[in-house]
Structures are given as C-alpha cells and as structure tokens.
Protein backbone atom coordinates (compact mmCIF):
# COMPACT_ATOMS: atom_id res chain seq x y z
CA HIS A 1 -1.15 17.66 -8.08
CA ILE A 2 -0.56 14.08 -9.11
CA GLY A 3 -2.60 14.12 -12.51
CA VAL A 4 -5.30 11.83 -11.49
CA ARG A 5 -9.07 12.43 -12.27
CA TYR A 6 -10.60 11.78 -8.84
CA ALA A 7 -9.48 11.66 -5.26
CA HIS A 8 -11.30 10.98 -2.02
CA GLY A 9 -10.31 11.74 1.56
CA VAL A 10 -11.09 8.83 4.08
CA THR A 11 -10.37 7.96 7.69
CA SER A 12 -7.35 6.05 7.28
CA GLY A 13 -4.95 4.19 4.85
CA THR A 14 -6.47 0.92 6.05
CA THR A 15 -10.01 2.12 5.39
CA ALA A 16 -8.80 3.26 1.94
CA LEU A 17 -7.62 -0.32 1.10
CA TYR A 18 -10.81 -2.01 2.41
CA THR A 19 -13.01 0.60 0.37
CA ALA A 20 -10.88 -0.17 -2.70
CA MET A 21 -11.68 -3.99 -2.36
CA ALA A 22 -15.34 -3.16 -2.05
CA ALA A 23 -15.29 -0.84 -5.05
CA LEU A 24 -13.82 -3.49 -7.15
CA GLY A 25 -16.28 -6.05 -6.18
CA ILE A 26 -13.85 -8.32 -4.27
CA GLY A 27 -15.46 -10.63 -1.88
CA PRO A 28 -15.81 -14.17 -0.47
CA GLY A 29 -13.90 -16.78 -2.41
CA ASP A 30 -11.66 -14.21 -4.24
CA GLU A 31 -8.05 -14.04 -3.88
CA VAL A 32 -5.81 -10.97 -3.73
CA ILE A 33 -1.87 -11.38 -4.37
CA LEU A 34 0.16 -9.02 -2.13
CA PRO A 35 3.74 -8.83 -0.70
CA THR A 36 4.45 -10.82 2.37
CA PHE A 37 6.73 -8.02 3.59
CA THR A 38 4.09 -5.31 4.29
CA ILE A 39 2.11 -3.85 7.08
CA ILE A 40 -0.71 -6.01 8.33
CA SER A 41 -3.44 -3.59 7.28
CA CYS A 42 -2.90 -4.66 3.65
CA ALA A 43 -3.86 -8.39 4.37
CA ALA A 44 -6.53 -7.16 6.98
CA ALA A 45 -8.46 -5.16 4.24
CA VAL A 46 -8.49 -8.41 1.91
CA VAL A 47 -9.79 -10.48 4.85
CA ARG A 48 -12.38 -7.94 5.88
CA ALA A 49 -13.76 -8.08 2.18
CA GLY A 50 -14.16 -11.67 2.88
CA ALA A 51 -11.42 -12.54 0.37
CA ILE A 52 -8.23 -14.48 0.95
CA PRO A 53 -4.83 -12.65 0.96
CA VAL A 54 -2.05 -14.63 -1.03
CA PRO A 55 1.28 -13.44 0.05
CA VAL A 56 4.26 -13.70 -2.18
CA ASP A 57 7.96 -13.43 -1.36
CA CYS A 58 9.92 -10.47 -1.75
CA ASP A 59 13.16 -9.40 -3.48
CA PRO A 60 15.76 -8.79 -0.78
CA ALA A 61 17.32 -5.99 -2.88
CA THR A 62 14.09 -3.85 -2.71
CA TRP A 63 11.79 -5.69 -0.16
CA ASN A 64 9.05 -5.27 -2.68
CA MET A 65 7.14 -8.42 -4.10
CA ASP A 66 9.36 -10.69 -6.31
CA LEU A 67 7.57 -10.27 -9.65
CA GLY A 68 8.92 -13.70 -10.72
CA LYS A 69 6.73 -15.25 -8.09
CA VAL A 70 3.61 -13.35 -8.69
CA ALA A 71 2.69 -15.28 -11.85
CA GLY A 72 3.02 -18.52 -10.04
CA ALA A 73 0.58 -17.33 -7.28
CA ILE A 74 -2.28 -16.55 -9.82
CA THR A 75 -5.28 -18.89 -9.74
CA PRO A 76 -8.71 -18.92 -11.37
CA ARG A 77 -9.95 -17.23 -8.15
CA THR A 78 -7.40 -14.37 -8.24
CA ARG A 79 -9.17 -10.99 -8.70
CA ALA A 80 -6.40 -8.37 -7.96
CA ILE A 81 -2.82 -7.59 -7.35
CA MET A 82 -1.92 -5.23 -4.48
CA ALA A 83 1.32 -3.53 -5.32
CA VAL A 84 2.96 -1.91 -2.22
CA HIS A 85 5.73 0.56 -2.57
CA ILE A 86 7.62 -0.52 0.68
CA TYR A 87 9.49 2.26 2.53
CA GLY A 88 9.22 4.34 -0.60
CA LEU A 89 11.14 1.86 -2.74
CA PRO A 90 9.14 1.46 -5.97
CA VAL A 91 7.33 -1.60 -7.38
CA GLU A 92 7.98 -2.32 -11.05
CA MET A 93 4.63 -1.14 -12.01
CA ASP A 94 4.94 -1.67 -15.77
CA ALA A 95 5.58 -5.40 -15.20
CA ILE A 96 2.73 -5.55 -12.69
CA LEU A 97 0.26 -3.96 -15.24
CA GLU A 98 1.42 -6.25 -17.95
CA LEU A 99 0.81 -9.21 -15.76
CA ALA A 100 -2.60 -8.06 -14.61
CA GLY A 101 -3.62 -7.40 -18.13
CA ASP A 102 -2.72 -10.84 -19.21
CA HIS A 103 -4.92 -12.30 -16.61
CA GLY A 104 -7.86 -9.78 -16.42
CA LEU A 105 -6.79 -8.77 -12.88
CA LYS A 106 -7.29 -5.31 -11.12
CA VAL A 107 -4.33 -3.41 -9.63
CA ILE A 108 -4.56 -1.62 -6.27
CA GLU A 109 -1.54 0.52 -5.84
CA ASP A 110 -0.66 1.20 -2.13
CA ALA A 111 1.48 4.45 -2.15
CA ALA A 112 1.33 4.89 1.63
CA HIS A 113 5.04 5.22 1.76
CA LYS A 114 5.45 7.25 -1.39
CA HIS A 115 3.71 10.49 -1.40
CA GLY A 116 5.13 12.53 -4.50
CA GLY A 117 7.16 9.78 -6.04
CA PHE A 118 7.32 8.99 -9.75
CA TRP A 119 7.65 5.85 -11.71
CA GLU A 120 8.70 6.40 -15.27
CA GLY A 121 7.38 9.94 -15.29
CA GLN A 122 4.06 9.15 -13.74
CA HIS A 123 2.94 9.80 -10.26
CA VAL A 124 2.60 6.68 -8.08
CA GLY A 125 -0.80 6.12 -6.79
CA THR A 126 -2.15 6.93 -10.40
CA ILE A 127 -0.83 3.94 -12.33
CA GLY A 128 -3.15 1.02 -11.06
CA ASP A 129 -6.95 0.95 -11.14
CA ILE A 130 -7.11 2.39 -7.63
CA GLY A 131 -4.38 4.34 -5.61
CA SER A 132 -4.25 4.29 -1.99
CA PHE A 133 -2.27 6.87 0.36
CA SER A 134 -1.97 6.70 4.17
CA LEU A 135 -2.03 10.03 6.13
CA GLN A 136 -1.14 8.27 9.50
CA LEU A 137 1.31 10.37 11.81
CA SER A 138 4.53 8.85 10.46
CA LYS A 139 3.91 9.39 6.76
CA ILE A 140 5.39 11.91 4.53
CA LEU A 141 1.97 13.88 4.23
CA THR A 142 0.10 13.62 7.45
CA ALA A 143 -2.86 14.84 9.38
CA GLY A 144 -2.16 12.35 12.30
CA GLU A 145 -4.55 9.91 10.65
CA GLY A 146 -6.42 9.64 7.44
CA GLY A 147 -6.17 8.31 3.93
CA ILE A 148 -6.75 9.20 0.24
CA LEU A 149 -8.02 7.12 -2.60
CA THR A 150 -7.38 8.09 -6.28
CA THR A 151 -8.67 6.73 -9.55
CA ASN A 152 -9.03 7.67 -13.18
CA ASN A 153 -12.15 5.44 -13.77
CA HIS A 154 -15.40 7.24 -13.51
CA ASP A 155 -17.35 4.16 -12.44
CA ILE A 156 -14.88 3.16 -9.71
CA TRP A 157 -15.03 6.86 -8.52
CA MET A 158 -18.78 6.68 -7.99
CA LYS A 159 -18.49 3.45 -5.98
CA LEU A 160 -15.73 4.90 -3.97
CA ASP A 161 -17.73 8.05 -3.20
CA ALA A 162 -20.69 6.01 -2.01
CA LEU A 163 -18.64 3.53 -0.10
CA ARG A 164 -16.96 6.40 2.05
CA ASN A 165 -20.22 8.36 2.50
CA CYS A 166 -22.59 5.85 4.34
CA GLY A 167 -23.40 4.13 1.18
CA ARG A 168 -25.18 7.06 -0.56
CA ARG A 169 -24.43 7.59 -4.21
CA PRO A 170 -22.93 10.87 -5.50
CA ALA A 171 -25.47 13.60 -5.87
CA ASN A 172 -24.53 14.02 -9.50
CA ALA A 173 -24.10 10.21 -10.43
CA GLU A 174 -26.15 8.97 -13.31
CA ILE A 175 -27.35 5.57 -11.93
CA ASP A 176 -29.21 2.86 -13.95
CA LYS A 177 -31.52 1.89 -11.21
CA SER A 178 -32.92 -1.10 -13.21
CA ALA A 179 -29.44 -2.76 -13.01
CA GLY A 180 -29.10 -2.19 -9.34
CA GLN A 181 -25.53 -1.24 -9.58
CA TYR A 182 -25.32 0.34 -6.25
CA GLY A 183 -27.72 -1.68 -4.12
CA LEU A 184 -31.47 -1.53 -3.62
CA GLU A 185 -32.81 0.31 -6.62
CA GLY A 186 -29.47 1.83 -7.28
CA ASP A 187 -29.89 4.30 -4.38
CA LEU A 188 -27.62 2.71 -1.66
CA ILE A 189 -24.63 0.37 -1.03
CA GLN A 190 -23.93 -1.25 2.30
CA SER A 191 -21.20 0.80 3.85
CA GLY A 192 -20.16 3.09 6.75
CA ASN A 193 -19.01 6.58 7.40
CA TYR A 194 -15.37 6.82 6.20
CA ARG A 195 -15.14 10.43 5.42
CA ILE A 196 -12.11 12.53 6.49
CA THR A 197 -12.79 15.53 8.70
CA ASP A 198 -12.62 19.07 7.78
CA PHE A 199 -9.96 19.60 10.54
CA GLN A 200 -7.75 16.91 9.16
CA ALA A 201 -8.16 18.50 5.59
CA ALA A 202 -7.10 21.82 6.97
CA VAL A 203 -3.81 20.25 8.44
CA LEU A 204 -3.16 18.50 5.27
CA ILE A 205 -3.50 21.71 3.06
CA HIS A 206 -0.71 23.23 5.15
CA GLN A 207 1.34 20.15 5.17
CA PHE A 208 1.05 19.71 1.51
CA GLY A 209 2.89 22.92 0.87
CA ARG A 210 6.01 21.52 2.67
CA MET A 211 5.85 18.10 0.99
CA GLU A 212 8.13 18.73 -1.93
CA ALA A 213 10.87 20.35 0.14
CA GLN A 214 10.72 17.72 2.62
CA ASN A 215 11.03 14.97 -0.13
CA SER A 216 14.00 16.77 -1.52
CA LEU A 217 15.72 16.87 1.89
CA ARG A 218 15.04 13.17 2.54
CA GLU A 219 16.50 12.26 -0.94
CA GLU A 220 19.79 14.32 -0.21
CA ASN A 221 20.10 12.65 3.09
CA ALA A 222 19.50 9.15 1.65
CA ARG A 223 22.07 9.66 -1.08
CA TYR A 224 24.66 10.83 1.61
CA LEU A 225 24.10 7.72 3.78
CA ASP A 226 24.14 5.39 0.57
CA LEU A 227 27.51 6.80 -0.34
CA LEU A 228 28.89 6.32 3.28
CA LEU A 229 27.41 2.90 3.95
CA LYS A 230 28.45 1.35 0.62
CA GLU A 231 31.99 1.49 1.94
CA ILE A 232 31.26 -0.68 5.03
CA SER A 233 31.75 -4.35 4.65
CA GLY A 234 28.58 -6.34 5.49
CA VAL A 235 26.13 -3.39 4.91
CA LYS A 236 23.84 -3.47 1.92
CA VAL A 237 22.05 -0.40 0.70
CA MET A 238 18.81 -0.85 -1.20
CA LYS A 239 18.67 -1.24 -4.98
CA GLU A 240 18.14 1.83 -7.06
CA ASP A 241 16.03 1.63 -10.23
CA PRO A 242 16.61 4.16 -13.06
CA ARG A 243 12.97 3.91 -13.99
CA GLU A 244 12.04 5.77 -10.77
CA SER A 245 11.98 9.20 -12.10
CA LYS A 246 11.43 10.98 -8.82
CA LYS A 247 12.21 9.52 -5.36
CA ALA A 248 10.14 9.74 -2.31
CA TYR A 249 11.58 8.22 0.80
CA TYR A 250 9.31 7.12 3.62
CA ASN A 251 12.10 5.64 5.80
CA TYR A 252 15.68 5.02 5.06
CA VAL A 253 16.45 1.31 5.08
CA PHE A 254 19.46 -1.04 4.66
CA ARG A 255 20.40 -4.66 5.17
CA ILE A 256 23.34 -6.36 7.02
CA ASP A 257 25.00 -9.64 6.45
CA GLU A 258 25.04 -11.15 9.89
CA ASP A 259 27.97 -13.31 9.08
CA VAL A 260 30.23 -10.42 7.82
CA ILE A 261 28.97 -8.08 10.64
CA GLY A 262 29.50 -10.85 13.35
CA MET A 263 26.20 -10.34 15.11
CA LYS A 264 22.48 -10.99 14.74
CA ALA A 265 20.28 -8.12 13.51
CA LYS A 266 18.59 -7.49 16.76
CA ARG A 267 21.90 -7.07 18.78
CA PHE A 268 23.14 -4.78 15.74
CA ARG A 269 20.11 -2.59 16.01
CA THR A 270 20.73 -2.03 19.71
CA ALA A 271 24.33 -1.18 19.27
CA PHE A 272 23.60 1.01 16.12
CA SER A 273 20.79 2.86 18.16
CA ALA A 274 23.22 3.57 20.96
CA GLU A 275 25.81 5.11 18.54
CA ILE A 276 23.39 7.29 16.61
CA GLY A 277 21.37 8.46 19.67
CA PHE A 278 17.92 7.32 18.52
CA GLU A 279 16.16 3.99 17.97
CA ALA A 280 16.76 2.14 14.68
CA GLU A 281 13.61 0.41 14.04
CA SER A 282 13.14 -3.28 13.06
CA CYS A 283 11.22 -4.08 9.78
CA TYR A 284 7.66 -5.51 9.39
CA GLN A 285 7.04 -9.08 10.50
CA PRO A 286 6.32 -11.04 7.19
CA LEU A 287 2.65 -11.80 6.76
CA ASN A 288 3.39 -15.58 6.51
CA ASP A 289 4.92 -15.41 9.97
CA CYS A 290 1.68 -13.86 11.55
CA THR A 291 -0.90 -16.27 12.96
CA LEU A 292 -3.74 -14.83 11.15
CA TYR A 293 -2.14 -15.04 7.72
CA ARG A 294 -0.19 -18.33 7.87
CA PRO A 295 -1.27 -20.72 5.10
CA GLN A 296 -4.71 -22.14 6.08
CA THR A 297 -5.76 -25.68 5.35
CA LYS A 298 -9.40 -24.70 5.00
CA SER A 299 -10.86 -23.30 1.72
CA ARG A 300 -11.99 -20.20 3.64
CA TYR A 301 -10.93 -18.33 6.90
CA ASP A 302 -12.47 -19.35 10.09
CA LEU A 303 -12.15 -16.05 11.73
CA ASN A 304 -13.55 -17.28 15.14
CA LYS A 305 -11.04 -19.94 15.32
CA ILE A 306 -8.19 -17.60 14.37
CA TYR A 307 -9.00 -14.82 16.71
CA TRP A 308 -9.86 -16.98 19.78
CA GLU A 309 -7.82 -20.18 19.55
C-alpha cells in the first residue's frame, strides 16, 4: 500500500523503535538525535539500546524538531536522527535526509501519528532508512496494540526479521557465516519474541479497509476547525506545509497565547473541555523535563541511580 519493499509486524511501536536501533547497530556510546517534544518511548528505545538520546528543541509552529538546531547537536558519536511526525504534522524529511547524508547518519522515521500521510508524493514511513508505525489503541490504524517496521534495504530487512523472531535469521536469507554478521556463526542474533499475533493481524486487515475514509474525514474536520479558530484572537492553529501532499491527522492540536486569552493553559483546557463536552488533552511533557532524560553529567547513563534515586 505504501510502496515499500519490506514490512514487519511487531508487538508495539516502542518495540519497533528499539528493534530499529538494534538493526542499525546502535549501541553503547552512540548518540541518537530526536525531538524533545515526543512520547517517552522514543527516548526509551535509544536508552534500551545502550545509546544516549540527544533531544533538540522544537518549532512551536509545528511541534516538530527545529531543523536549525539539529546540525548543532551532531557530534562524532552521533549515529542516527529519529524524525518524529508529531500529531500528524510532517517533519521536513528532505532537509533531514540532506543533513544525515552530509554526516553519514541513519534516519529512523517515526510515523506512529501519520498512517497514510504523504511528504512530497512519498508515503511517510518509507523515506528514511527504517520507518516505524504504532498500532496502539489511539492510533489511526489500530489493533489495540502492535507496531510495523518498514524498509527498502534488504540487509536491514534481514536483521529486522531476525530481531523480531527470537534472533533467528530468515529462512531464505543468504548469510556469510564467516563474517558472523548475525551473531554466532551467522545463525542467531541476541533478541526476543516481538512478533505480532494472528488475531491482531486479522483486526488490522479489517481496520485497514477503513483507514483512507477515516483520514479523509479527519482532514475535513481539521480544515473546518482551522477556518473557525483562525478568527479567534489568541488562538494559533498549526502551520501547514505545501510539501505535505496528503494529510493524515492523528489528533487535532492548536496553541494559545496565554497573555491574550487571559489564563494559563491548564485552566483554559478545563474551561474548554466543559464547553465542548469531552476532555481536551494536554500535550507531551518535553523529554528534557523528564527525570530520566534531563542532561546527564556523566558520560553514560547510570540507570540504577536514575530509576531508584
């Protein structure tokens, strides 16, 4: 459907991100650049691989990572950039790819919020080295839980397949055992069972048939809300990019100017929720405000200290 050569179902979007790290050989001492405004799972996948997440600030007009600050975060230890399409708003993927190419970095494209979206005529999730989708219960395409990994690279596909399947290499893979590419004698790689279930897959097949119509309805509703909210002083709708050739909204989001509105965001959400009859949710807590991911003084993470102290 999205024009990618390989796709794997896994147990969750978080599992997908961690598996992507392992497939790209990211490990202790490595750094991965990602937006500070994202779900904690993105940074957790980096830490689980033994690497260090390096959050960069975001553009308030899109809540995606500020591309002007990504270059300044690159060090000799940087191995990859994790581009996260937040709330269905697209990352400028052409700029990310150019920057990654200049520095020899891999690109992991987190499309958990953007099933069915396009960037410059190309499906999101197919633009980086690895694409990652979440199938958690709130997502556009869902089976209650699960994830999907995509890639056009054959070698990466073989590693992803082994990593999700207890470390066993694909049955039809051609392995150079002398190189030990997949672990001991090329037969195994250290991993676990991250396979999606048949039941989840059956649910997804049915859900998939509804996805395009649901995306179209979401876009129609979002454009209507944009039109109305633009007329309200102190309310700012999110920036549109003409290079986004097909939209896919996860949630509808907007910002307020507290000084103009005359109240703090928390109070505004409470009043707004009472008016509309359902809860208006707050956004993600920035990673740099989370205890686990605040800038560390040590050269590596002391996980025992972080978790228990």
